[in-house]
């Protein structure tokens, strides 16, 4: 998939003016940074210890008969 994206970007850049190529590269870099920031934010605590601790603190896992 990565090679497909790279090949597509190369084809797009071949059709653009130098100014458009620069703007296109800047846009791609901003999107990459935003994606990484989003993934980092949403990755924290998802399956880590913090998530487990919060999940088990509310006591809903205790049996009702006890």
PDB file of N, CA and C in Angstrom:
ATOM      1  N   UNK A   1       0.825  -1.191   0.000  1.00  0.00           N
ATOM      2  CA  UNK A   1       0.000   0.000   0.000  1.00  0.00           C
ATOM      3  C   UNK A   1       0.870   1.254   0.000  1.00  0.00           C
ATOM      4  N   UNK A   2       1.971   1.177   0.748  1.00  0.00           N
ATOM      5  CA  UNK A   2       2.869   2.320   0.813  1.00  0.00           C
ATOM      6  C   UNK A   2       3.442   2.646  -0.564  1.00  0.00           C
ATOM      7  N   UNK A   3       3.794   1.610  -1.315  1.00  0.00           N
ATOM      8  CA  UNK A   3       4.357   1.839  -2.652  1.00  0.00           C
ATOM      9  C   UNK A   3       3.309   2.438  -3.593  1.00  0.00           C
ATOM     10  N   UNK A   4       2.065   2.046  -3.420  1.00  0.00           N
ATOM     11  CA  UNK A   4       0.992   2.609  -4.257  1.00  0.00           C
ATOM     12  C   UNK A   4       0.847   4.101  -3.978  1.00  0.00           C
ATOM     13  N   UNK A   5       0.855   4.468  -2.686  1.00  0.00           N
ATOM     14  CA  UNK A   5       0.748   5.884  -2.331  1.00  0.00           C
ATOM     15  C   UNK A   5       1.927   6.680  -2.878  1.00  0.00           C
ATOM     16  N   UNK A   6       3.131   6.107  -2.751  1.00  0.00           N
ATOM     17  CA  UNK A   6       4.316   6.807  -3.238  1.00  0.00           C
ATOM     18  C   UNK A   6       4.250   6.977  -4.756  1.00  0.00           C
ATOM     19  N   UNK A   7       3.878   5.932  -5.467  1.00  0.00           N
ATOM     20  CA  UNK A   7       3.771   6.022  -6.921  1.00  0.00           C
ATOM     21  C   UNK A   7       2.719   7.032  -7.349  1.00  0.00           C
ATOM     22  N   UNK A   8       1.629   7.089  -6.627  1.00  0.00           N
ATOM     23  CA  UNK A   8       0.575   8.052  -6.931  1.00  0.00           C
ATOM     24  C   UNK A   8       1.082   9.473  -6.720  1.00  0.00           C
ATOM     25  N   UNK A   9       1.797   9.683  -5.628  1.00  0.00           N
ATOM     26  CA  UNK A   9       2.337  11.013  -5.345  1.00  0.00           C
ATOM     27  C   UNK A   9       3.317  11.437  -6.437  1.00  0.00           C
ATOM     28  N   UNK A  10       4.153  10.522  -6.887  1.00  0.00           N
ATOM     29  CA  UNK A  10       5.111  10.826  -7.959  1.00  0.00           C
ATOM     30  C   UNK A  10       4.366  11.221  -9.232  1.00  0.00           C
ATOM     31  N   UNK A  11       3.310  10.503  -9.558  1.00  0.00           N
ATOM     32  CA  UNK A  11       2.527  10.828 -10.764  1.00  0.00           C
ATOM     33  C   UNK A  11       1.863  12.193 -10.655  1.00  0.00           C
ATOM     34  N   UNK A  12       1.331  12.478  -9.477  1.00  0.00           N
ATOM     35  CA  UNK A  12       0.682  13.776  -9.263  1.00  0.00           C
ATOM     36  C   UNK A  12       1.707  14.896  -9.406  1.00  0.00           C
ATOM     37  N   UNK A  13       2.847  14.729  -8.743  1.00  0.00           N
ATOM     38  CA  UNK A  13       3.875  15.762  -8.787  1.00  0.00           C
ATOM     39  C   UNK A  13       4.377  16.009 -10.205  1.00  0.00           C
ATOM     40  N   UNK A  14       4.390  14.995 -11.032  1.00  0.00           N
ATOM     41  CA  UNK A  14       4.854  15.146 -12.411  1.00  0.00           C
ATOM     42  C   UNK A  14       3.950  16.079 -13.215  1.00  0.00           C
ATOM     43  N   UNK A  15       2.700  16.193 -12.815  1.00  0.00           N
ATOM     44  CA  UNK A  15       1.734  17.032 -13.537  1.00  0.00           C
ATOM     45  C   UNK A  15       1.639  18.453 -12.980  1.00  0.00           C
ATOM     46  N   UNK A  16       2.283  18.726 -11.862  1.00  0.00           N
ATOM     47  CA  UNK A  16       2.152  20.025 -11.203  1.00  0.00           C
ATOM     48  C   UNK A  16       3.300  20.969 -11.546  1.00  0.00           C
ATOM     49  N   UNK A  17       3.022  22.258 -11.346  1.00  0.00           N
ATOM     50  CA  UNK A  17       4.079  23.260 -11.475  1.00  0.00           C
ATOM     51  C   UNK A  17       4.952  23.177 -10.222  1.00  0.00           C
ATOM     52  N   UNK A  18       6.155  23.760 -10.258  1.00  0.00           N
ATOM     53  CA  UNK A  18       7.024  23.727  -9.068  1.00  0.00           C
ATOM     54  C   UNK A  18       6.359  24.299  -7.807  1.00  0.00           C
ATOM     55  N   UNK A  19       5.610  25.386  -7.964  1.00  0.00           N
ATOM     56  CA  UNK A  19       4.912  25.961  -6.807  1.00  0.00           C
ATOM     57  C   UNK A  19       3.845  24.999  -6.278  1.00  0.00           C
ATOM     58  N   UNK A  20       3.140  24.354  -7.186  1.00  0.00           N
ATOM     59  CA  UNK A  20       2.113  23.400  -6.784  1.00  0.00           C
ATOM     60  C   UNK A  20       2.733  22.175  -6.116  1.00  0.00           C
ATOM     61  N   UNK A  21       3.891  21.747  -6.618  1.00  0.00           N
ATOM     62  CA  UNK A  21       4.588  20.607  -6.006  1.00  0.00           C
ATOM     63  C   UNK A  21       4.940  20.936  -4.567  1.00  0.00           C
ATOM     64  N   UNK A  22       5.465  22.137  -4.344  1.00  0.00           N
ATOM     65  CA  UNK A  22       5.826  22.548  -2.987  1.00  0.00           C
ATOM     66  C   UNK A  22       4.593  22.570  -2.074  1.00  0.00           C
ATOM     67  N   UNK A  23       3.498  23.136  -2.550  1.00  0.00           N
ATOM     68  CA  UNK A  23       2.267  23.184  -1.759  1.00  0.00           C
ATOM     69  C   UNK A  23       1.749  21.771  -1.485  1.00  0.00           C
ATOM     70  N   UNK A  24       1.841  20.898  -2.476  1.00  0.00           N
ATOM     71  CA  UNK A  24       1.393  19.515  -2.331  1.00  0.00           C
ATOM     72  C   UNK A  24       2.216  18.793  -1.265  1.00  0.00           C
ATOM     73  N   UNK A  25       3.538  18.977  -1.299  1.00  0.00           N
ATOM     74  CA  UNK A  25       4.411  18.345  -0.305  1.00  0.00           C
ATOM     75  C   UNK A  25       4.125  18.862   1.098  1.00  0.00           C
ATOM     76  N   UNK A  26       3.908  20.165   1.216  1.00  0.00           N
ATOM     77  CA  UNK A  26       3.585  20.757   2.510  1.00  0.00           C
ATOM     78  C   UNK A  26       2.266  20.194   3.050  1.00  0.00           C
ATOM     79  N   UNK A  27       1.294  20.084   2.168  1.00  0.00           N
ATOM     80  CA  UNK A  27      -0.002  19.535   2.567  1.00  0.00           C
ATOM     81  C   UNK A  27       0.146  18.095   3.055  1.00  0.00           C
ATOM     82  N   UNK A  28       0.902  17.289   2.310  1.00  0.00           N
ATOM     83  CA  UNK A  28       1.109  15.894   2.704  1.00  0.00           C
ATOM     84  C   UNK A  28       1.816  15.803   4.050  1.00  0.00           C
ATOM     85  N   UNK A  29       2.789  16.675   4.300  1.00  0.00           N
ATOM     86  CA  UNK A  29       3.518  16.668   5.570  1.00  0.00           C
ATOM     87  C   UNK A  29       2.593  17.054   6.724  1.00  0.00           C
ATOM     88  N   UNK A  30       1.753  18.059   6.510  1.00  0.00           N
ATOM     89  CA  UNK A  30       0.796  18.465   7.550  1.00  0.00           C
ATOM     90  C   UNK A  30      -0.172  17.336   7.864  1.00  0.00           C
ATOM     91  N   UNK A  31      -0.658  16.657   6.833  1.00  0.00           N
ATOM     92  CA  UNK A  31      -1.581  15.539   7.041  1.00  0.00           C
ATOM     93  C   UNK A  31      -0.892  14.403   7.804  1.00  0.00           C
ATOM     94  N   UNK A  32       0.360  14.143   7.463  1.00  0.00           N
ATOM     95  CA  UNK A  32       1.120  13.090   8.145  1.00  0.00           C
ATOM     96  C   UNK A  32       1.275  13.423   9.627  1.00  0.00           C
ATOM     97  N   UNK A  33       1.634  14.677   9.926  1.00  0.00           N
ATOM     98  CA  UNK A  33       1.793  15.108  11.312  1.00  0.00           C
ATOM     99  C   UNK A  33       0.463  15.029  12.062  1.00  0.00           C
ATOM    100  N   UNK A  34      -0.613  15.459  11.428  1.00  0.00           N
ATOM    101  CA  UNK A  34      -1.927  15.415  12.071  1.00  0.00           C
ATOM    102  C   UNK A  34      -2.341  13.974  12.347  1.00  0.00           C
ATOM    103  N   UNK A  35      -2.066  13.093  11.411  1.00  0.00           N
ATOM    104  CA  UNK A  35      -2.401  11.675  11.585  1.00  0.00           C
ATOM    105  C   UNK A  35      -1.616  11.076  12.749  1.00  0.00           C
ATOM    106  N   UNK A  36      -0.325  11.371  12.819  1.00  0.00           N
ATOM    107  CA  UNK A  36       0.505  10.855  13.900  1.00  0.00           C
ATOM    108  C   UNK A  36       0.038  11.390  15.253  1.00  0.00           C
ATOM    109  N   UNK A  37      -0.298  12.674  15.285  1.00  0.00           N
ATOM    110  CA  UNK A  37      -0.778  13.290  16.531  1.00  0.00           C
ATOM    111  C   UNK A  37      -2.092  12.635  16.974  1.00  0.00           C
ATOM    112  N   UNK A  38      -2.997  12.419  16.038  1.00  0.00           N
ATOM    113  CA  UNK A  38      -4.278  11.780  16.336  1.00  0.00           C
ATOM    114  C   UNK A  38      -4.058  10.357  16.861  1.00  0.00           C
ATOM    115  N   UNK A  39      -3.189   9.607  16.172  1.00  0.00           N
ATOM    116  CA  UNK A  39      -2.939   8.232  16.583  1.00  0.00           C
ATOM    117  C   UNK A  39      -2.309   8.173  17.963  1.00  0.00           C
ATOM    118  N   UNK A  40      -1.381   9.073  18.236  1.00  0.00           N
ATOM    119  CA  UNK A  40      -0.740   9.089  19.547  1.00  0.00           C
ATOM    120  C   UNK A  40      -1.766   9.415  20.638  1.00  0.00           C
ATOM    121  N   UNK A  41      -2.611  10.376  20.377  1.00  0.00           N
ATOM    122  CA  UNK A  41      -3.623  10.774  21.366  1.00  0.00           C
ATOM    123  C   UNK A  41      -4.588   9.631  21.654  1.00  0.00           C
ATOM    124  N   UNK A  42      -5.007   8.924  20.632  1.00  0.00           N
ATOM    125  CA  UNK A  42      -6.011   7.886  20.805  1.00  0.00           C
ATOM    126  C   UNK A  42      -5.431   6.528  21.148  1.00  0.00           C
ATOM    127  N   UNK A  43      -4.142   6.389  21.037  1.00  0.00           N
ATOM    128  CA  UNK A  43      -3.489   5.138  21.371  1.00  0.00           C
ATOM    129  C   UNK A  43      -3.272   5.035  22.883  1.00  0.00           C
ATOM    130  N   UNK A  44      -3.066   6.147  23.563  1.00  0.00           N
ATOM    131  CA  UNK A  44      -2.772   6.147  24.998  1.00  0.00           C
ATOM    132  C   UNK A  44      -3.933   5.580  25.794  1.00  0.00           C
ATOM    133  N   UNK A  45      -3.619   4.653  26.656  1.00  0.00           N
ATOM    134  CA  UNK A  45      -4.622   4.106  27.565  1.00  0.00           C
ATOM    135  C   UNK A  45      -5.583   3.131  26.941  1.00  0.00           C
ATOM    136  N   UNK A  46      -5.546   2.964  25.643  1.00  0.00           N
ATOM    137  CA  UNK A  46      -6.524   2.094  24.996  1.00  0.00           C
ATOM    138  C   UNK A  46      -6.426   0.666  25.506  1.00  0.00           C
ATOM    139  N   UNK A  47      -5.230   0.107  25.492  1.00  0.00           N
ATOM    140  CA  UNK A  47      -5.065  -1.250  25.984  1.00  0.00           C
ATOM    141  C   UNK A  47      -3.978  -1.300  27.053  1.00  0.00           C
ATOM    142  N   UNK A  48      -3.569  -0.150  27.522  1.00  0.00           N
ATOM    143  CA  UNK A  48      -2.493  -0.079  28.500  1.00  0.00           C
ATOM    144  C   UNK A  48      -2.989  -0.217  29.922  1.00  0.00           C
ATOM    145  N   UNK A  49      -2.067  -0.091  30.848  1.00  0.00           N
ATOM    146  CA  UNK A  49      -2.389  -0.252  32.265  1.00  0.00           C
ATOM    147  C   UNK A  49      -3.375   0.801  32.755  1.00  0.00           C
ATOM    148  N   UNK A  50      -3.246   2.038  32.276  1.00  0.00           N
ATOM    149  CA  UNK A  50      -4.163   3.081  32.725  1.00  0.00           C
ATOM    150  C   UNK A  50      -5.602   2.702  32.405  1.00  0.00           C
ATOM    151  N   UNK A  51      -5.819   2.162  31.224  1.00  0.00           N
ATOM    152  CA  UNK A  51      -7.162   1.752  30.832  1.00  0.00           C
ATOM    153  C   UNK A  51      -7.670   0.653  31.753  1.00  0.00           C
ATOM    154  N   UNK A  52      -6.856  -0.330  32.024  1.00  0.00           N
ATOM    155  CA  UNK A  52      -7.271  -1.436  32.881  1.00  0.00           C
ATOM    156  C   UNK A  52      -7.606  -0.938  34.277  1.00  0.00           C
ATOM    157  N   UNK A  53      -6.746  -0.046  34.805  1.00  0.00           N
ATOM    158  CA  UNK A  53      -6.985   0.462  36.145  1.00  0.00           C
ATOM    159  C   UNK A  53      -8.314   1.198  36.226  1.00  0.00           C
ATOM    160  N   UNK A  54      -8.581   2.090  35.306  1.00  0.00           N
ATOM    161  CA  UNK A  54      -9.847   2.829  35.319  1.00  0.00           C
ATOM    162  C   UNK A  54     -11.021   1.892  35.105  1.00  0.00           C
ATOM    163  N   UNK A  55     -10.844   0.931  34.248  1.00  0.00           N
ATOM    164  CA  UNK A  55     -11.913   0.018  33.894  1.00  0.00           C
ATOM    165  C   UNK A  55     -12.350  -0.821  35.092  1.00  0.00           C
ATOM    166  N   UNK A  56     -11.424  -1.207  35.925  1.00  0.00           N
ATOM    167  CA  UNK A  56     -11.751  -2.093  37.030  1.00  0.00           C
ATOM    168  C   UNK A  56     -12.058  -1.340  38.322  1.00  0.00           C
ATOM    169  N   UNK A  57     -11.857  -0.040  38.356  1.00  0.00           N
ATOM    170  CA  UNK A  57     -12.134   0.727  39.558  1.00  0.00           C
ATOM    171  C   UNK A  57     -13.612   0.902  39.835  1.00  0.00           C
ATOM    172  N   UNK A  58     -14.436   0.869  38.806  1.00  0.00           N
ATOM    173  CA  UNK A  58     -15.854   1.177  39.010  1.00  0.00           C
ATOM    174  C   UNK A  58     -16.616   0.027  39.667  1.00  0.00           C
ATOM    175  N   UNK A  59     -16.012  -1.139  39.805  1.00  0.00           N
ATOM    176  CA  UNK A  59     -16.618  -2.242  40.534  1.00  0.00           C
ATOM    177  C   UNK A  59     -17.695  -2.991  39.771  1.00  0.00           C
ATOM    178  N   UNK A  60     -17.920  -2.710  38.535  1.00  0.00           N
ATOM    179  CA  UNK A  60     -18.995  -3.397  37.810  1.00  0.00           C
ATOM    180  C   UNK A  60     -18.642  -4.835  37.493  1.00  0.00           C
ATOM    181  N   UNK A  61     -17.408  -5.247  37.776  1.00  0.00           N
ATOM    182  CA  UNK A  61     -17.028  -6.621  37.525  1.00  0.00           C
ATOM    183  C   UNK A  61     -17.307  -7.526  38.736  1.00  0.00           C
ATOM    184  N   UNK A  62     -17.669  -6.932  39.830  1.00  0.00           N
ATOM    185  CA  UNK A  62     -17.984  -7.735  41.023  1.00  0.00           C
ATOM    186  C   UNK A  62     -19.317  -8.446  40.802  1.00  0.00           C
ATOM    187  N   UNK A  63     -19.425  -9.631  41.327  1.00  0.00           N
ATOM    188  CA  UNK A  63     -20.683 -10.371  41.112  1.00  0.00           C
ATOM    189  C   UNK A  63     -21.792  -9.752  41.955  1.00  0.00           C
ATOM    190  N   UNK A  64     -23.003  -9.820  41.452  1.00  0.00           N
ATOM    191  CA  UNK A  64     -24.146  -9.208  42.130  1.00  0.00           C
ATOM    192  C   UNK A  64     -24.599 -10.004  43.339  1.00  0.00           C
ATOM    193  N   UNK A  65     -24.278 -11.296  43.387  1.00  0.00           N
ATOM    194  CA  UNK A  65     -24.727 -12.133  44.484  1.00  0.00           C
ATOM    195  C   UNK A  65     -23.902 -12.019  45.740  1.00  0.00           C
ATOM    196  N   UNK A  66     -22.779 -11.323  45.698  1.00  0.00           N
ATOM    197  CA  UNK A  66     -21.901 -11.251  46.882  1.00  0.00           C
ATOM    198  C   UNK A  66     -22.188 -10.052  47.713  1.00  0.00           C
TER     199      UNK A  66
END
